[in-house]
Amino acid sequence: MSKNLALFDFDGTLTTKDSLGEFIKFAKGDVAYYLGLVKFFPYFIAWKIGFMKNYEAKEKLFQLFFKGMEKKEFEKLANDYANTMIKFIERYDTKLMLLKHIEDGDKVLLVSASMRCWLEPWASKLDIEVLSTELEFVDDKFSGKFATKNCHGQEKVERIKKHLSLDEYSKIYAYGDSSGDKEMLNLADVKYYKGKQI
């Protein structure tokens, strides 16, 4: 065991706003975004009262805005968003912690329920790996489905354990901000919740 591992959630932890909502606004415009939310409202209620699972509601949201979109168009939008807009919603103090881990030579993983298509361009600038939710494209068009399980809750732990051996690290740090990060935080020796050590 020679180095530490740092696990970072993205939305709300490294950002001040939800990157998905901001991406939809970027891709479709504010008017289309809010009109789409009106259509999504019944699914939101179904999720809140337990009639629909988290990932099902999230898939419905993506279907409303992006089903049938060409893969090249979607990836260009996601890449442009990552390179021009995410910097405006970064949470400065937590990003400094991430940069300190990189400077110290720690292994850093971004573990998020958000989409790889905009997380990876952002993370690649820092040379860190991404474990996240991914979209399914069939015949180069977005099918309206996820290609992976939603990277949330226990799924975060499953992805981390599949990706690397935790026994190889002398100390594990984890950073999160919501109930969806609870299981990941439980893996850690040092835990930060909403920017504060717990």
N, C-alpha and C. Protein backbone atom coordinates (compact mmCIF):
# COMPACT_ATOMS: atom_id res chain seq x y z
N MET A 1 0.86 -1.20 0.00
CA MET A 1 0.00 0.00 0.00
C MET A 1 0.89 1.25 0.00
N SER A 2 0.78 2.02 -1.06
CA SER A 2 1.72 3.14 -1.18
C SER A 2 1.06 4.50 -1.33
N LYS A 3 -0.22 4.54 -1.70
CA LYS A 3 -0.83 5.85 -1.87
C LYS A 3 -2.29 5.83 -1.46
N ASN A 4 -2.86 7.01 -1.43
CA ASN A 4 -4.25 7.16 -1.00
C ASN A 4 -5.19 7.17 -2.20
N LEU A 5 -6.47 6.96 -1.89
CA LEU A 5 -7.52 7.01 -2.89
C LEU A 5 -8.52 8.09 -2.49
N ALA A 6 -8.90 8.91 -3.46
CA ALA A 6 -9.89 9.97 -3.20
C ALA A 6 -11.07 9.79 -4.15
N LEU A 7 -12.27 9.64 -3.60
CA LEU A 7 -13.49 9.41 -4.36
C LEU A 7 -14.36 10.66 -4.29
N PHE A 8 -14.67 11.23 -5.44
CA PHE A 8 -15.45 12.47 -5.48
C PHE A 8 -16.76 12.28 -6.23
N ASP A 9 -17.86 12.62 -5.58
CA ASP A 9 -19.12 12.84 -6.28
C ASP A 9 -18.96 14.13 -7.09
N PHE A 10 -19.87 14.35 -8.03
CA PHE A 10 -19.76 15.55 -8.87
C PHE A 10 -20.83 16.59 -8.54
N ASP A 11 -22.09 16.29 -8.88
CA ASP A 11 -23.15 17.28 -8.70
C ASP A 11 -23.39 17.61 -7.23
N GLY A 12 -23.29 18.89 -6.91
CA GLY A 12 -23.49 19.34 -5.53
C GLY A 12 -22.25 19.24 -4.67
N THR A 13 -21.29 18.43 -5.11
CA THR A 13 -20.03 18.28 -4.38
C THR A 13 -18.95 19.12 -5.03
N LEU A 14 -18.75 18.91 -6.31
CA LEU A 14 -17.78 19.70 -7.07
C LEU A 14 -18.46 20.85 -7.83
N THR A 15 -19.79 20.89 -7.76
CA THR A 15 -20.53 21.96 -8.44
C THR A 15 -21.53 22.60 -7.48
N THR A 16 -21.97 23.79 -7.84
CA THR A 16 -22.97 24.51 -7.04
C THR A 16 -24.38 24.25 -7.55
N LYS A 17 -24.50 23.69 -8.75
CA LYS A 17 -25.79 23.38 -9.35
C LYS A 17 -25.74 21.99 -9.96
N ASP A 18 -26.92 21.46 -10.25
CA ASP A 18 -27.01 20.16 -10.91
C ASP A 18 -26.56 20.30 -12.37
N SER A 19 -25.57 19.52 -12.77
CA SER A 19 -25.03 19.67 -14.12
C SER A 19 -26.00 19.19 -15.19
N LEU A 20 -26.90 18.29 -14.85
CA LEU A 20 -27.88 17.81 -15.83
C LEU A 20 -28.84 18.92 -16.25
N GLY A 21 -29.42 19.59 -15.27
CA GLY A 21 -30.33 20.69 -15.59
C GLY A 21 -29.65 21.77 -16.40
N GLU A 22 -28.42 22.09 -16.02
CA GLU A 22 -27.67 23.11 -16.74
C GLU A 22 -27.33 22.65 -18.16
N PHE A 23 -27.07 21.36 -18.33
CA PHE A 23 -26.79 20.83 -19.66
C PHE A 23 -28.02 20.92 -20.56
N ILE A 24 -29.19 20.58 -20.01
CA ILE A 24 -30.41 20.66 -20.81
C ILE A 24 -30.67 22.10 -21.26
N LYS A 25 -30.48 23.05 -20.35
CA LYS A 25 -30.64 24.46 -20.71
C LYS A 25 -29.66 24.85 -21.82
N PHE A 26 -28.41 24.38 -21.69
CA PHE A 26 -27.38 24.68 -22.68
C PHE A 26 -27.76 24.10 -24.04
N ALA A 27 -28.25 22.86 -24.03
CA ALA A 27 -28.54 22.16 -25.29
C ALA A 27 -29.85 22.62 -25.93
N LYS A 28 -30.85 22.94 -25.10
CA LYS A 28 -32.20 23.18 -25.64
C LYS A 28 -32.71 24.60 -25.44
N GLY A 29 -32.07 25.36 -24.55
CA GLY A 29 -32.54 26.71 -24.25
C GLY A 29 -33.48 26.71 -23.06
N ASP A 30 -33.59 27.86 -22.41
CA ASP A 30 -34.37 27.96 -21.17
C ASP A 30 -35.85 27.68 -21.38
N VAL A 31 -36.44 28.19 -22.47
CA VAL A 31 -37.87 28.02 -22.69
C VAL A 31 -38.21 26.54 -22.87
N ALA A 32 -37.47 25.85 -23.72
CA ALA A 32 -37.70 24.42 -23.95
C ALA A 32 -37.46 23.62 -22.68
N TYR A 33 -36.49 24.05 -21.89
CA TYR A 33 -36.19 23.36 -20.63
C TYR A 33 -37.39 23.41 -19.68
N TYR A 34 -37.95 24.60 -19.48
CA TYR A 34 -39.06 24.73 -18.53
C TYR A 34 -40.35 24.11 -19.06
N LEU A 35 -40.56 24.17 -20.37
CA LEU A 35 -41.72 23.49 -20.95
C LEU A 35 -41.58 21.97 -20.79
N GLY A 36 -40.36 21.49 -20.94
CA GLY A 36 -40.10 20.07 -20.76
C GLY A 36 -40.33 19.62 -19.33
N LEU A 37 -39.98 20.48 -18.38
CA LEU A 37 -40.19 20.15 -16.97
C LEU A 37 -41.67 20.01 -16.65
N VAL A 38 -42.52 20.79 -17.33
CA VAL A 38 -43.97 20.66 -17.13
C VAL A 38 -44.42 19.27 -17.56
N LYS A 39 -43.91 18.79 -18.70
CA LYS A 39 -44.25 17.45 -19.18
C LYS A 39 -43.70 16.37 -18.24
N PHE A 40 -42.56 16.67 -17.65
CA PHE A 40 -41.90 15.70 -16.77
C PHE A 40 -42.54 15.63 -15.39
N PHE A 41 -43.30 16.63 -15.02
CA PHE A 41 -43.82 16.76 -13.65
C PHE A 41 -44.55 15.49 -13.14
N PRO A 42 -45.41 14.84 -13.95
CA PRO A 42 -46.06 13.63 -13.45
C PRO A 42 -45.07 12.53 -13.08
N TYR A 43 -43.99 12.41 -13.84
CA TYR A 43 -42.97 11.40 -13.54
C TYR A 43 -42.22 11.77 -12.26
N PHE A 44 -42.00 13.07 -12.09
CA PHE A 44 -41.33 13.56 -10.88
C PHE A 44 -42.15 13.20 -9.64
N ILE A 45 -43.46 13.41 -9.72
CA ILE A 45 -44.35 13.08 -8.60
C ILE A 45 -44.34 11.57 -8.35
N ALA A 46 -44.40 10.80 -9.44
CA ALA A 46 -44.39 9.33 -9.31
C ALA A 46 -43.13 8.85 -8.62
N TRP A 47 -42.00 9.49 -8.92
CA TRP A 47 -40.73 9.14 -8.27
C TRP A 47 -40.76 9.53 -6.79
N LYS A 48 -41.25 10.74 -6.51
CA LYS A 48 -41.26 11.24 -5.14
C LYS A 48 -42.12 10.38 -4.20
N ILE A 49 -43.22 9.84 -4.72
CA ILE A 49 -44.10 9.05 -3.87
C ILE A 49 -43.82 7.55 -3.95
N GLY A 50 -42.75 7.20 -4.68
CA GLY A 50 -42.29 5.81 -4.68
C GLY A 50 -42.88 4.90 -5.75
N PHE A 51 -43.64 5.47 -6.70
CA PHE A 51 -44.20 4.65 -7.77
C PHE A 51 -43.21 4.43 -8.91
N MET A 52 -42.14 5.17 -8.90
CA MET A 52 -41.13 5.07 -9.96
C MET A 52 -39.75 5.15 -9.33
N LYS A 53 -38.83 4.34 -9.81
CA LYS A 53 -37.47 4.34 -9.28
C LYS A 53 -36.69 5.53 -9.81
N ASN A 54 -35.63 5.88 -9.09
CA ASN A 54 -34.79 7.02 -9.45
C ASN A 54 -34.33 6.96 -10.90
N TYR A 55 -33.80 5.81 -11.31
CA TYR A 55 -33.24 5.71 -12.66
C TYR A 55 -34.34 5.77 -13.73
N GLU A 56 -35.55 5.27 -13.40
CA GLU A 56 -36.66 5.32 -14.36
C GLU A 56 -37.10 6.76 -14.62
N ALA A 57 -37.18 7.54 -13.56
CA ALA A 57 -37.55 8.95 -13.72
C ALA A 57 -36.48 9.70 -14.52
N LYS A 58 -35.23 9.37 -14.23
CA LYS A 58 -34.13 10.04 -14.92
C LYS A 58 -34.11 9.68 -16.42
N GLU A 59 -34.40 8.42 -16.72
CA GLU A 59 -34.50 8.02 -18.13
C GLU A 59 -35.62 8.78 -18.83
N LYS A 60 -36.76 8.93 -18.15
CA LYS A 60 -37.89 9.67 -18.73
C LYS A 60 -37.50 11.10 -19.06
N LEU A 61 -36.72 11.71 -18.17
CA LEU A 61 -36.27 13.08 -18.39
C LEU A 61 -35.40 13.15 -19.65
N PHE A 62 -34.48 12.22 -19.79
CA PHE A 62 -33.62 12.20 -20.98
C PHE A 62 -34.43 11.92 -22.24
N GLN A 63 -35.42 11.04 -22.14
CA GLN A 63 -36.25 10.74 -23.30
C GLN A 63 -36.99 11.98 -23.79
N LEU A 64 -37.51 12.75 -22.84
CA LEU A 64 -38.27 13.96 -23.20
C LEU A 64 -37.44 14.93 -24.03
N PHE A 65 -36.16 15.04 -23.68
CA PHE A 65 -35.33 16.07 -24.32
C PHE A 65 -34.45 15.55 -25.46
N PHE A 66 -34.04 14.29 -25.39
CA PHE A 66 -32.97 13.87 -26.29
C PHE A 66 -33.21 12.59 -27.09
N LYS A 67 -34.31 11.88 -26.86
CA LYS A 67 -34.52 10.63 -27.58
C LYS A 67 -34.48 10.85 -29.09
N GLY A 68 -33.70 10.01 -29.78
CA GLY A 68 -33.57 10.11 -31.23
C GLY A 68 -32.47 11.03 -31.71
N MET A 69 -31.83 11.75 -30.80
CA MET A 69 -30.75 12.66 -31.21
C MET A 69 -29.54 11.87 -31.71
N GLU A 70 -28.94 12.36 -32.78
CA GLU A 70 -27.75 11.72 -33.33
C GLU A 70 -26.61 11.73 -32.31
N LYS A 71 -25.87 10.64 -32.26
CA LYS A 71 -24.78 10.51 -31.30
C LYS A 71 -23.75 11.64 -31.47
N LYS A 72 -23.38 11.94 -32.70
CA LYS A 72 -22.38 12.98 -32.95
C LYS A 72 -22.86 14.34 -32.44
N GLU A 73 -24.13 14.64 -32.67
CA GLU A 73 -24.68 15.91 -32.21
C GLU A 73 -24.69 15.98 -30.69
N PHE A 74 -25.11 14.87 -30.07
CA PHE A 74 -25.17 14.85 -28.61
C PHE A 74 -23.78 14.99 -28.01
N GLU A 75 -22.82 14.25 -28.54
CA GLU A 75 -21.47 14.29 -28.00
C GLU A 75 -20.83 15.66 -28.19
N LYS A 76 -21.14 16.32 -29.31
CA LYS A 76 -20.60 17.68 -29.51
C LYS A 76 -21.19 18.65 -28.49
N LEU A 77 -22.49 18.55 -28.26
CA LEU A 77 -23.13 19.40 -27.26
C LEU A 77 -22.52 19.17 -25.88
N ALA A 78 -22.34 17.90 -25.54
CA ALA A 78 -21.79 17.55 -24.22
C ALA A 78 -20.35 18.04 -24.07
N ASN A 79 -19.57 17.90 -25.13
CA ASN A 79 -18.18 18.34 -25.09
C ASN A 79 -18.09 19.86 -24.99
N ASP A 80 -18.92 20.55 -25.76
CA ASP A 80 -18.94 22.02 -25.71
C ASP A 80 -19.37 22.50 -24.32
N TYR A 81 -20.36 21.84 -23.76
CA TYR A 81 -20.84 22.18 -22.42
C TYR A 81 -19.73 21.99 -21.38
N ALA A 82 -19.05 20.86 -21.46
CA ALA A 82 -17.98 20.58 -20.50
C ALA A 82 -16.87 21.60 -20.59
N ASN A 83 -16.55 22.01 -21.80
CA ASN A 83 -15.40 22.89 -22.00
C ASN A 83 -15.70 24.37 -21.82
N THR A 84 -16.98 24.74 -21.86
CA THR A 84 -17.29 26.17 -21.79
C THR A 84 -18.16 26.57 -20.60
N MET A 85 -18.93 25.64 -20.04
CA MET A 85 -19.94 26.03 -19.06
C MET A 85 -19.73 25.48 -17.65
N ILE A 86 -19.17 24.28 -17.52
CA ILE A 86 -19.04 23.68 -16.19
C ILE A 86 -18.20 24.55 -15.26
N LYS A 87 -17.24 25.25 -15.82
CA LYS A 87 -16.38 26.10 -14.98
C LYS A 87 -17.18 27.14 -14.20
N PHE A 88 -18.36 27.50 -14.71
CA PHE A 88 -19.18 28.53 -14.04
C PHE A 88 -19.97 27.96 -12.85
N ILE A 89 -20.05 26.64 -12.75
CA ILE A 89 -20.79 26.05 -11.63
C ILE A 89 -19.87 25.22 -10.72
N GLU A 90 -18.57 25.33 -10.91
CA GLU A 90 -17.64 24.60 -10.06
C GLU A 90 -17.68 25.13 -8.62
N ARG A 91 -17.58 24.22 -7.68
CA ARG A 91 -17.49 24.61 -6.26
C ARG A 91 -16.00 24.74 -5.93
N TYR A 92 -15.57 25.95 -5.75
CA TYR A 92 -14.14 26.27 -5.68
C TYR A 92 -13.43 25.53 -4.55
N ASP A 93 -14.01 25.52 -3.35
CA ASP A 93 -13.31 24.93 -2.21
C ASP A 93 -13.10 23.42 -2.37
N THR A 94 -14.12 22.73 -2.88
CA THR A 94 -13.99 21.28 -3.07
C THR A 94 -13.05 20.96 -4.21
N LYS A 95 -13.07 21.78 -5.25
CA LYS A 95 -12.13 21.53 -6.35
C LYS A 95 -10.69 21.69 -5.86
N LEU A 96 -10.45 22.63 -4.95
CA LEU A 96 -9.11 22.78 -4.39
C LEU A 96 -8.67 21.51 -3.66
N MET A 97 -9.61 20.87 -2.96
CA MET A 97 -9.31 19.60 -2.30
C MET A 97 -8.93 18.53 -3.32
N LEU A 98 -9.69 18.49 -4.41
CA LEU A 98 -9.39 17.53 -5.48
C LEU A 98 -8.00 17.78 -6.05
N LEU A 99 -7.70 19.03 -6.33
CA LEU A 99 -6.39 19.38 -6.89
C LEU A 99 -5.26 19.04 -5.92
N LYS A 100 -5.52 19.17 -4.62
CA LYS A 100 -4.51 18.82 -3.62
C LYS A 100 -4.23 17.32 -3.64
N HIS A 101 -5.27 16.51 -3.80
CA HIS A 101 -5.08 15.06 -3.91
C HIS A 101 -4.23 14.71 -5.13
N ILE A 102 -4.50 15.39 -6.24
CA ILE A 102 -3.72 15.15 -7.45
C ILE A 102 -2.26 15.54 -7.21
N GLU A 103 -2.06 16.70 -6.61
CA GLU A 103 -0.70 17.19 -6.31
C GLU A 103 0.05 16.22 -5.40
N ASP A 104 -0.68 15.59 -4.47
CA ASP A 104 -0.05 14.65 -3.53
C ASP A 104 0.20 13.28 -4.14
N GLY A 105 -0.25 13.09 -5.38
CA GLY A 105 -0.02 11.81 -6.05
C GLY A 105 -1.05 10.75 -5.72
N ASP A 106 -2.19 11.16 -5.14
CA ASP A 106 -3.24 10.20 -4.80
C ASP A 106 -3.99 9.76 -6.06
N LYS A 107 -4.59 8.59 -6.00
CA LYS A 107 -5.49 8.13 -7.05
C LYS A 107 -6.82 8.83 -6.84
N VAL A 108 -7.32 9.50 -7.88
CA VAL A 108 -8.57 10.23 -7.78
C VAL A 108 -9.58 9.66 -8.76
N LEU A 109 -10.79 9.38 -8.26
CA LEU A 109 -11.89 8.90 -9.09
C LEU A 109 -13.08 9.83 -8.97
N LEU A 110 -13.67 10.17 -10.10
CA LEU A 110 -14.93 10.90 -10.12
C LEU A 110 -16.03 9.85 -10.23
N VAL A 111 -16.92 9.79 -9.25
CA VAL A 111 -17.95 8.75 -9.20
C VAL A 111 -19.31 9.45 -9.15
N SER A 112 -20.04 9.41 -10.26
CA SER A 112 -21.20 10.30 -10.38
C SER A 112 -22.36 9.64 -11.12
N ALA A 113 -23.57 10.05 -10.73
CA ALA A 113 -24.78 9.63 -11.45
C ALA A 113 -24.97 10.45 -12.72
N SER A 114 -24.20 11.50 -12.90
CA SER A 114 -24.27 12.28 -14.13
C SER A 114 -23.65 11.50 -15.30
N MET A 115 -23.70 12.09 -16.47
CA MET A 115 -23.35 11.38 -17.69
C MET A 115 -21.88 11.52 -18.08
N ARG A 116 -21.33 10.39 -18.47
CA ARG A 116 -19.93 10.35 -18.90
C ARG A 116 -19.67 11.35 -20.03
N CYS A 117 -20.65 11.57 -20.89
CA CYS A 117 -20.41 12.39 -22.08
C CYS A 117 -19.99 13.81 -21.76
N TRP A 118 -20.40 14.36 -20.61
CA TRP A 118 -19.87 15.68 -20.25
C TRP A 118 -18.91 15.65 -19.07
N LEU A 119 -18.93 14.57 -18.30
CA LEU A 119 -17.97 14.47 -17.20
C LEU A 119 -16.56 14.17 -17.71
N GLU A 120 -16.47 13.30 -18.71
CA GLU A 120 -15.14 12.87 -19.16
C GLU A 120 -14.32 14.00 -19.77
N PRO A 121 -14.90 14.87 -20.62
CA PRO A 121 -14.10 15.99 -21.13
C PRO A 121 -13.60 16.89 -20.01
N TRP A 122 -14.42 17.09 -18.98
CA TRP A 122 -14.01 17.91 -17.83
C TRP A 122 -12.90 17.22 -17.05
N ALA A 123 -13.09 15.94 -16.77
CA ALA A 123 -12.12 15.19 -15.97
C ALA A 123 -10.81 14.94 -16.69
N SER A 124 -10.87 14.83 -18.02
CA SER A 124 -9.66 14.53 -18.78
C SER A 124 -8.63 15.64 -18.68
N LYS A 125 -9.09 16.87 -18.45
CA LYS A 125 -8.15 17.98 -18.29
C LYS A 125 -7.33 17.83 -17.01
N LEU A 126 -7.90 17.10 -16.04
CA LEU A 126 -7.22 16.87 -14.76
C LEU A 126 -6.57 15.49 -14.72
N ASP A 127 -6.75 14.75 -15.81
CA ASP A 127 -6.19 13.40 -15.91
C ASP A 127 -6.71 12.48 -14.80
N ILE A 128 -8.03 12.56 -14.54
CA ILE A 128 -8.65 11.67 -13.56
C ILE A 128 -9.70 10.80 -14.25
N GLU A 129 -9.95 9.65 -13.68
CA GLU A 129 -10.89 8.69 -14.27
C GLU A 129 -12.32 8.96 -13.81
N VAL A 130 -13.26 8.47 -14.63
CA VAL A 130 -14.68 8.71 -14.37
C VAL A 130 -15.44 7.39 -14.31
N LEU A 131 -16.23 7.23 -13.25
CA LEU A 131 -17.22 6.16 -13.17
C LEU A 131 -18.57 6.85 -13.11
N SER A 132 -19.46 6.56 -14.07
CA SER A 132 -20.68 7.36 -14.17
C SER A 132 -21.78 6.59 -14.91
N THR A 133 -22.90 7.25 -15.06
CA THR A 133 -24.00 6.72 -15.85
C THR A 133 -23.69 6.97 -17.33
N GLU A 134 -24.08 6.02 -18.18
CA GLU A 134 -23.84 6.17 -19.61
C GLU A 134 -25.12 5.96 -20.40
N LEU A 135 -25.22 6.62 -21.53
CA LEU A 135 -26.41 6.56 -22.37
C LEU A 135 -26.27 5.47 -23.44
N GLU A 136 -27.41 4.94 -23.85
CA GLU A 136 -27.42 3.91 -24.90
C GLU A 136 -27.71 4.56 -26.25
N PHE A 137 -26.87 4.26 -27.22
CA PHE A 137 -27.09 4.73 -28.59
C PHE A 137 -27.27 3.51 -29.48
N VAL A 138 -28.34 3.50 -30.26
CA VAL A 138 -28.64 2.42 -31.20
C VAL A 138 -28.68 3.02 -32.60
N ASP A 139 -27.91 2.44 -33.51
CA ASP A 139 -27.79 3.00 -34.86
C ASP A 139 -27.41 4.48 -34.82
N ASP A 140 -26.50 4.80 -33.87
CA ASP A 140 -25.97 6.15 -33.71
C ASP A 140 -27.03 7.19 -33.32
N LYS A 141 -28.11 6.72 -32.68
CA LYS A 141 -29.11 7.64 -32.15
C LYS A 141 -29.41 7.26 -30.71
N PHE A 142 -29.69 8.27 -29.88
CA PHE A 142 -29.99 8.00 -28.48
C PHE A 142 -31.31 7.26 -28.37
N SER A 143 -31.27 6.08 -27.74
CA SER A 143 -32.44 5.21 -27.65
C SER A 143 -33.47 5.67 -26.62
N GLY A 144 -33.04 6.55 -25.72
CA GLY A 144 -33.91 6.94 -24.61
C GLY A 144 -33.66 6.11 -23.37
N LYS A 145 -32.69 5.21 -23.44
CA LYS A 145 -32.36 4.33 -22.31
C LYS A 145 -30.93 4.57 -21.85
N PHE A 146 -30.63 4.09 -20.65
CA PHE A 146 -29.26 4.10 -20.15
C PHE A 146 -28.56 2.81 -20.57
N ALA A 147 -27.29 2.91 -20.89
CA ALA A 147 -26.49 1.74 -21.24
C ALA A 147 -25.95 1.05 -19.99
N THR A 148 -25.97 1.76 -18.87
CA THR A 148 -25.49 1.23 -17.59
C THR A 148 -26.54 1.50 -16.52
N LYS A 149 -26.35 0.91 -15.36
CA LYS A 149 -27.17 1.29 -14.22
C LYS A 149 -26.86 2.73 -13.84
N ASN A 150 -27.83 3.41 -13.27
CA ASN A 150 -27.60 4.76 -12.77
C ASN A 150 -26.56 4.69 -11.65
N CYS A 151 -25.48 5.45 -11.78
CA CYS A 151 -24.37 5.38 -10.83
C CYS A 151 -24.71 6.19 -9.57
N HIS A 152 -25.50 5.57 -8.70
CA HIS A 152 -26.11 6.25 -7.56
C HIS A 152 -26.22 5.25 -6.41
N GLY A 153 -26.00 5.71 -5.19
CA GLY A 153 -26.17 4.83 -4.03
C GLY A 153 -25.22 3.64 -4.04
N GLN A 154 -25.77 2.44 -3.85
CA GLN A 154 -24.96 1.24 -3.80
C GLN A 154 -24.24 0.96 -5.11
N GLU A 155 -24.82 1.42 -6.22
CA GLU A 155 -24.17 1.21 -7.52
C GLU A 155 -22.80 1.90 -7.56
N LYS A 156 -22.65 3.02 -6.86
CA LYS A 156 -21.34 3.67 -6.81
C LYS A 156 -20.30 2.73 -6.20
N VAL A 157 -20.68 2.07 -5.12
CA VAL A 157 -19.77 1.14 -4.45
C VAL A 157 -19.42 -0.03 -5.36
N GLU A 158 -20.43 -0.57 -6.05
CA GLU A 158 -20.19 -1.70 -6.96
C GLU A 158 -19.22 -1.30 -8.07
N ARG A 159 -19.40 -0.12 -8.62
CA ARG A 159 -18.51 0.34 -9.69
C ARG A 159 -17.08 0.52 -9.19
N ILE A 160 -16.95 1.12 -8.01
CA ILE A 160 -15.62 1.36 -7.45
C ILE A 160 -14.89 0.04 -7.21
N LYS A 161 -15.59 -0.91 -6.60
CA LYS A 161 -14.96 -2.20 -6.28
C LYS A 161 -14.63 -3.00 -7.52
N LYS A 162 -15.42 -2.84 -8.57
CA LYS A 162 -15.15 -3.52 -9.83
C LYS A 162 -13.96 -2.89 -10.55
N HIS A 163 -13.79 -1.58 -10.35
CA HIS A 163 -12.76 -0.83 -11.07
C HIS A 163 -11.37 -0.99 -10.45
N LEU A 164 -11.30 -1.14 -9.14
CA LEU A 164 -10.00 -1.23 -8.47
C LEU A 164 -10.11 -2.01 -7.16
N SER A 165 -8.97 -2.35 -6.60
CA SER A 165 -8.91 -3.06 -5.33
C SER A 165 -8.66 -2.07 -4.21
N LEU A 166 -9.62 -1.94 -3.32
CA LEU A 166 -9.49 -0.96 -2.24
C LEU A 166 -8.34 -1.30 -1.29
N ASP A 167 -7.98 -2.56 -1.22
CA ASP A 167 -6.89 -2.99 -0.33
C ASP A 167 -5.53 -2.43 -0.73
N GLU A 168 -5.45 -1.93 -1.94
CA GLU A 168 -4.17 -1.41 -2.43
C GLU A 168 -3.86 0.00 -1.92
N TYR A 169 -4.82 0.61 -1.24
CA TYR A 169 -4.65 2.00 -0.82
C TYR A 169 -4.53 2.12 0.69
N SER A 170 -3.62 2.96 1.12
CA SER A 170 -3.36 3.11 2.55
C SER A 170 -4.48 3.86 3.26
N LYS A 171 -5.08 4.83 2.57
CA LYS A 171 -6.18 5.58 3.16
C LYS A 171 -7.16 5.97 2.05
N ILE A 172 -8.45 5.90 2.37
CA ILE A 172 -9.48 6.25 1.41
C ILE A 172 -10.21 7.51 1.88
N TYR A 173 -10.32 8.48 0.99
CA TYR A 173 -11.08 9.70 1.22
C TYR A 173 -12.33 9.67 0.33
N ALA A 174 -13.43 10.21 0.83
CA ALA A 174 -14.64 10.30 0.00
C ALA A 174 -15.33 11.63 0.24
N TYR A 175 -15.87 12.18 -0.86
CA TYR A 175 -16.51 13.49 -0.82
C TYR A 175 -17.89 13.38 -1.48
N GLY A 176 -18.94 13.75 -0.72
CA GLY A 176 -20.29 13.70 -1.26
C GLY A 176 -21.18 14.77 -0.66
N ASP A 177 -22.43 14.80 -1.14
CA ASP A 177 -23.33 15.85 -0.64
C ASP A 177 -24.77 15.40 -0.50
N SER A 178 -25.07 14.12 -0.78
CA SER A 178 -26.46 13.69 -0.75
C SER A 178 -26.60 12.25 -0.27
N SER A 179 -27.84 11.81 -0.11
CA SER A 179 -28.10 10.44 0.32
C SER A 179 -27.58 9.43 -0.69
N GLY A 180 -27.46 9.84 -1.95
CA GLY A 180 -26.93 8.96 -2.99
C GLY A 180 -25.45 8.69 -2.85
N ASP A 181 -24.79 9.41 -1.96
CA ASP A 181 -23.36 9.23 -1.72
C ASP A 181 -23.07 8.46 -0.43
N LYS A 182 -24.12 8.13 0.32
CA LYS A 182 -23.95 7.53 1.64
C LYS A 182 -23.10 6.26 1.60
N GLU A 183 -23.42 5.37 0.69
CA GLU A 183 -22.69 4.10 0.61
C GLU A 183 -21.23 4.31 0.24
N MET A 184 -20.97 5.26 -0.65
CA MET A 184 -19.59 5.56 -1.02
C MET A 184 -18.82 6.15 0.16
N LEU A 185 -19.46 7.03 0.90
CA LEU A 185 -18.83 7.63 2.07
C LEU A 185 -18.49 6.56 3.11
N ASN A 186 -19.31 5.53 3.20
CA ASN A 186 -19.07 4.46 4.17
C ASN A 186 -17.83 3.63 3.85
N LEU A 187 -17.34 3.74 2.63
CA LEU A 187 -16.10 3.04 2.25
C LEU A 187 -14.86 3.73 2.81
N ALA A 188 -15.01 4.99 3.15
CA ALA A 188 -13.84 5.84 3.39
C ALA A 188 -13.37 5.87 4.83
N ASP A 189 -12.08 6.12 4.98
CA ASP A 189 -11.48 6.39 6.29
C ASP A 189 -11.72 7.84 6.68
N VAL A 190 -11.70 8.71 5.67
CA VAL A 190 -11.92 10.15 5.88
C VAL A 190 -13.08 10.57 4.98
N LYS A 191 -14.14 11.11 5.59
CA LYS A 191 -15.36 11.42 4.85
C LYS A 191 -15.66 12.91 4.92
N TYR A 192 -16.02 13.47 3.77
CA TYR A 192 -16.45 14.86 3.71
C TYR A 192 -17.87 14.89 3.14
N TYR A 193 -18.76 15.54 3.88
CA TYR A 193 -20.16 15.67 3.46
C TYR A 193 -20.51 17.15 3.39
N LYS A 194 -20.89 17.59 2.20
CA LYS A 194 -21.20 19.01 1.98
C LYS A 194 -20.04 19.90 2.41
N GLY A 195 -18.84 19.44 2.10
CA GLY A 195 -17.64 20.24 2.33
C GLY A 195 -17.05 20.16 3.71
N LYS A 196 -17.70 19.43 4.63
CA LYS A 196 -17.20 19.34 6.00
C LYS A 196 -16.88 17.90 6.37
N GLN A 197 -15.79 17.72 7.09
CA GLN A 197 -15.41 16.37 7.52
C GLN A 197 -16.39 15.87 8.56
N ILE A 198 -16.81 14.61 8.42
CA ILE A 198 -17.75 14.02 9.36
C ILE A 198 -17.14 12.79 10.04
